[in-house]
C-alpha atoms as a PDB file:
ATOM      1  CA  UNK A   1     -34.038 -32.857 -85.293  1.00  0.00           C
ATOM      2  CA  UNK A   2     -31.679 -29.969 -84.608  1.00  0.00           C
ATOM      3  CA  UNK A   3     -32.364 -27.102 -82.211  1.00  0.00           C
ATOM      4  CA  UNK A   4     -33.484 -24.656 -84.922  1.00  0.00           C
ATOM      5  CA  UNK A   5     -36.018 -27.175 -86.214  1.00  0.00           C
ATOM      6  CA  UNK A   6     -37.286 -27.805 -82.676  1.00  0.00           C
ATOM      7  CA  UNK A   7     -37.765 -24.074 -82.092  1.00  0.00           C
ATOM      8  CA  UNK A   8     -39.575 -23.633 -85.405  1.00  0.00           C
ATOM      9  CA  UNK A   9     -41.819 -26.591 -84.592  1.00  0.00           C
ATOM     10  CA  UNK A  10     -42.798 -24.981 -81.267  1.00  0.00           C
ATOM     11  CA  UNK A  11     -43.345 -21.540 -82.836  1.00  0.00           C
ATOM     12  CA  UNK A  12     -45.447 -22.900 -85.680  1.00  0.00           C
ATOM     13  CA  UNK A  13     -47.176 -25.721 -83.806  1.00  0.00           C
ATOM     14  CA  UNK A  14     -48.244 -24.103 -80.543  1.00  0.00           C
ATOM     15  CA  UNK A  15     -51.127 -21.657 -80.259  1.00  0.00           C
ATOM     16  CA  UNK A  16     -49.152 -19.370 -77.922  1.00  0.00           C
ATOM     17  CA  UNK A  17     -45.428 -19.906 -77.391  1.00  0.00           C
ATOM     18  CA  UNK A  18     -43.657 -17.936 -74.672  1.00  0.00           C
ATOM     19  CA  UNK A  19     -39.878 -18.136 -74.711  1.00  0.00           C
ATOM     20  CA  UNK A  20     -38.905 -16.974 -71.252  1.00  0.00           C
ATOM     21  CA  UNK A  21     -36.290 -17.067 -68.543  1.00  0.00           C
ATOM     22  CA  UNK A  22     -37.482 -19.785 -66.192  1.00  0.00           C
ATOM     23  CA  UNK A  23     -40.826 -21.553 -66.188  1.00  0.00           C
ATOM     24  CA  UNK A  24     -44.348 -20.402 -65.272  1.00  0.00           C
ATOM     25  CA  UNK A  25     -43.840 -22.060 -61.875  1.00  0.00           C
ATOM     26  CA  UNK A  26     -40.369 -20.565 -61.335  1.00  0.00           C
ATOM     27  CA  UNK A  27     -39.982 -17.352 -63.321  1.00  0.00           C
ATOM     28  CA  UNK A  28     -36.391 -16.055 -63.367  1.00  0.00           C
ATOM     29  CA  UNK A  29     -36.927 -12.600 -64.899  1.00  0.00           C
ATOM     30  CA  UNK A  30     -39.245  -9.677 -64.285  1.00  0.00           C
ATOM     31  CA  UNK A  31     -39.970  -9.148 -67.978  1.00  0.00           C
ATOM     32  CA  UNK A  32     -40.800 -12.823 -68.459  1.00  0.00           C
ATOM     33  CA  UNK A  33     -43.151 -12.566 -65.473  1.00  0.00           C
ATOM     34  CA  UNK A  34     -44.872  -9.484 -66.919  1.00  0.00           C
ATOM     35  CA  UNK A  35     -45.461 -11.171 -70.290  1.00  0.00           C
ATOM     36  CA  UNK A  36     -46.710 -14.372 -68.648  1.00  0.00           C
ATOM     37  CA  UNK A  37     -49.134 -12.483 -66.408  1.00  0.00           C
ATOM     38  CA  UNK A  38     -50.573 -10.500 -69.341  1.00  0.00           C
ATOM     39  CA  UNK A  39     -51.108 -13.750 -71.257  1.00  0.00           C
ATOM     40  CA  UNK A  40     -52.707 -15.347 -68.200  1.00  0.00           C
ATOM     41  CA  UNK A  41     -55.108 -12.433 -67.754  1.00  0.00           C
ATOM     42  CA  UNK A  42     -56.120 -12.799 -71.408  1.00  0.00           C
ATOM     43  CA  UNK A  43     -56.779 -16.520 -70.931  1.00  0.00           C
ATOM     44  CA  UNK A  44     -54.103 -17.598 -73.421  1.00  0.00           C
ATOM     45  CA  UNK A  45     -53.145 -21.281 -73.640  1.00  0.00           C
ATOM     46  CA  UNK A  46     -49.417 -20.768 -73.023  1.00  0.00           C
ATOM     47  CA  UNK A  47     -46.662 -23.157 -73.983  1.00  0.00           C
ATOM     48  CA  UNK A  48     -43.557 -21.948 -72.168  1.00  0.00           C
ATOM     49  CA  UNK A  49     -39.957 -22.656 -73.114  1.00  0.00           C
ATOM     50  CA  UNK A  50     -37.151 -21.868 -70.679  1.00  0.00           C
ATOM     51  CA  UNK A  51     -34.223 -20.404 -72.629  1.00  0.00           C
ATOM     52  CA  UNK A  52     -31.789 -20.544 -69.673  1.00  0.00           C
ATOM     53  CA  UNK A  53     -30.566 -24.182 -69.775  1.00  0.00           C
ATOM     54  CA  UNK A  54     -28.630 -23.709 -73.018  1.00  0.00           C
ATOM     55  CA  UNK A  55     -27.330 -20.393 -74.479  1.00  0.00           C
ATOM     56  CA  UNK A  56     -27.838 -21.815 -77.973  1.00  0.00           C
ATOM     57  CA  UNK A  57     -31.618 -21.629 -77.466  1.00  0.00           C
ATOM     58  CA  UNK A  58     -31.515 -17.844 -77.193  1.00  0.00           C
ATOM     59  CA  UNK A  59     -29.072 -17.551 -80.119  1.00  0.00           C
ATOM     60  CA  UNK A  60     -31.166 -19.692 -82.447  1.00  0.00           C
ATOM     61  CA  UNK A  61     -34.432 -18.089 -81.333  1.00  0.00           C
ATOM     62  CA  UNK A  62     -33.123 -14.584 -82.015  1.00  0.00           C
ATOM     63  CA  UNK A  63     -31.804 -15.721 -85.408  1.00  0.00           C
ATOM     64  CA  UNK A  64     -35.248 -17.084 -86.295  1.00  0.00           C
ATOM     65  CA  UNK A  65     -37.297 -14.160 -84.977  1.00  0.00           C
ATOM     66  CA  UNK A  66     -34.950 -11.233 -85.576  1.00  0.00           C
ATOM     67  CA  UNK A  67     -35.850 -10.117 -82.027  1.00  0.00           C
ATOM     68  CA  UNK A  68     -32.871  -9.793 -79.650  1.00  0.00           C
ATOM     69  CA  UNK A  69     -34.523  -9.788 -76.232  1.00  0.00           C
ATOM     70  CA  UNK A  70     -36.344 -12.259 -73.992  1.00  0.00           C
ATOM     71  CA  UNK A  71     -39.211 -12.889 -73.475  1.00  0.00           C
ATOM     72  CA  UNK A  72     -40.582 -13.514 -76.945  1.00  0.00           C
ATOM     73  CA  UNK A  73     -44.266 -14.224 -77.475  1.00  0.00           C
ATOM     74  CA  UNK A  74     -45.571 -15.944 -80.593  1.00  0.00           C
ATOM     75  CA  UNK A  75     -49.281 -16.340 -81.355  1.00  0.00           C
ATOM     76  CA  UNK A  76     -50.281 -18.627 -84.190  1.00  0.00           C
ATOM     77  CA  UNK A  77     -46.677 -18.746 -85.410  1.00  0.00           C
ATOM     78  CA  UNK A  78     -46.309 -14.956 -85.525  1.00  0.00           C
ATOM     79  CA  UNK A  79     -44.002 -12.933 -83.273  1.00  0.00           C
ATOM     80  CA  UNK A  80     -46.073 -10.544 -81.177  1.00  0.00           C
ATOM     81  CA  UNK A  81     -43.152  -9.098 -79.218  1.00  0.00           C
ATOM     82  CA  UNK A  82     -41.768  -8.929 -75.708  1.00  0.00           C
ATOM     83  CA  UNK A  83     -43.139  -7.871 -72.335  1.00  0.00           C
ATOM     84  CA  UNK A  84     -43.632  -4.176 -73.151  1.00  0.00           C
ATOM     85  CA  UNK A  85     -45.529  -4.877 -76.362  1.00  0.00           C
ATOM     86  CA  UNK A  86     -47.675  -7.622 -74.819  1.00  0.00           C
ATOM     87  CA  UNK A  87     -48.589  -5.327 -71.913  1.00  0.00           C
ATOM     88  CA  UNK A  88     -49.384  -2.468 -74.297  1.00  0.00           C
ATOM     89  CA  UNK A  89     -51.612  -4.759 -76.364  1.00  0.00           C
ATOM     90  CA  UNK A  90     -53.351  -5.823 -73.159  1.00  0.00           C
ATOM     91  CA  UNK A  91     -53.927  -2.203 -72.055  1.00  0.00           C
ATOM     92  CA  UNK A  92     -55.424  -1.363 -75.450  1.00  0.00           C
ATOM     93  CA  UNK A  93     -57.643  -4.454 -75.459  1.00  0.00           C
ATOM     94  CA  UNK A  94     -55.780  -5.731 -78.505  1.00  0.00           C
ATOM     95  CA  UNK A  95     -54.152  -8.756 -76.851  1.00  0.00           C
ATOM     96  CA  UNK A  96     -57.414 -10.617 -76.320  1.00  0.00           C
ATOM     97  CA  UNK A  97     -58.624  -9.511 -79.783  1.00  0.00           C
ATOM     98  CA  UNK A  98     -55.426 -10.861 -81.354  1.00  0.00           C
ATOM     99  CA  UNK A  99     -55.723 -14.117 -79.442  1.00  0.00           C
ATOM    100  CA  UNK A 100     -59.382 -14.568 -80.438  1.00  0.00           C
ATOM    101  CA  UNK A 101     -58.674 -13.674 -84.080  1.00  0.00           C
ATOM    102  CA  UNK A 102     -55.850 -16.219 -84.321  1.00  0.00           C
ATOM    103  CA  UNK A 103     -57.141 -18.920 -81.996  1.00  0.00           C
ATOM    104  CA  UNK A 104     -60.912 -18.615 -82.067  1.00  0.00           C
ATOM    105  CA  UNK A 105     -62.376 -20.067 -78.906  1.00  0.00           C
ATOM    106  CA  UNK A 106     -59.188 -21.855 -77.823  1.00  0.00           C
ATOM    107  CA  UNK A 107     -58.629 -19.449 -74.933  1.00  0.00           C
ATOM    108  CA  UNK A 108     -58.303 -22.044 -72.199  1.00  0.00           C
ATOM    109  CA  UNK A 109     -55.776 -20.523 -69.834  1.00  0.00           C
ATOM    110  CA  UNK A 110     -53.904 -23.862 -69.826  1.00  0.00           C
ATOM    111  CA  UNK A 111     -50.153 -23.777 -69.396  1.00  0.00           C
ATOM    112  CA  UNK A 112     -47.517 -26.301 -70.289  1.00  0.00           C
ATOM    113  CA  UNK A 113     -43.741 -26.314 -70.378  1.00  0.00           C
ATOM    114  CA  UNK A 114     -41.642 -27.707 -73.221  1.00  0.00           C
ATOM    115  CA  UNK A 115     -38.060 -28.577 -72.323  1.00  0.00           C
ATOM    116  CA  UNK A 116     -35.433 -28.452 -75.029  1.00  0.00           C
ATOM    117  CA  UNK A 117     -32.332 -30.638 -74.723  1.00  0.00           C
END
């Protein structure tokens, strides 16, 4: 399976996919931290992917999503946006509504990391 297929599998297969710089345990970017914290406060089950180990991850991800910056948050296979948008949705109460609409009662707050080769 090539990198593009792996990324698509994560985007489409995970309830909430956060493509970030670093991991939830060792965040390497302020914007990634802001998006992660907003998702945590909403109780989202986050699957995190560190884009830093290989520059191709960011290239392929941006080609798939059409979104140039990191972090990128996908819920139910749909791009929600980056840190600013996720925080805005949280302030408006729309983040939790979006999560509940797409995931039902799957708001577990669990986090896991997927490493790409």
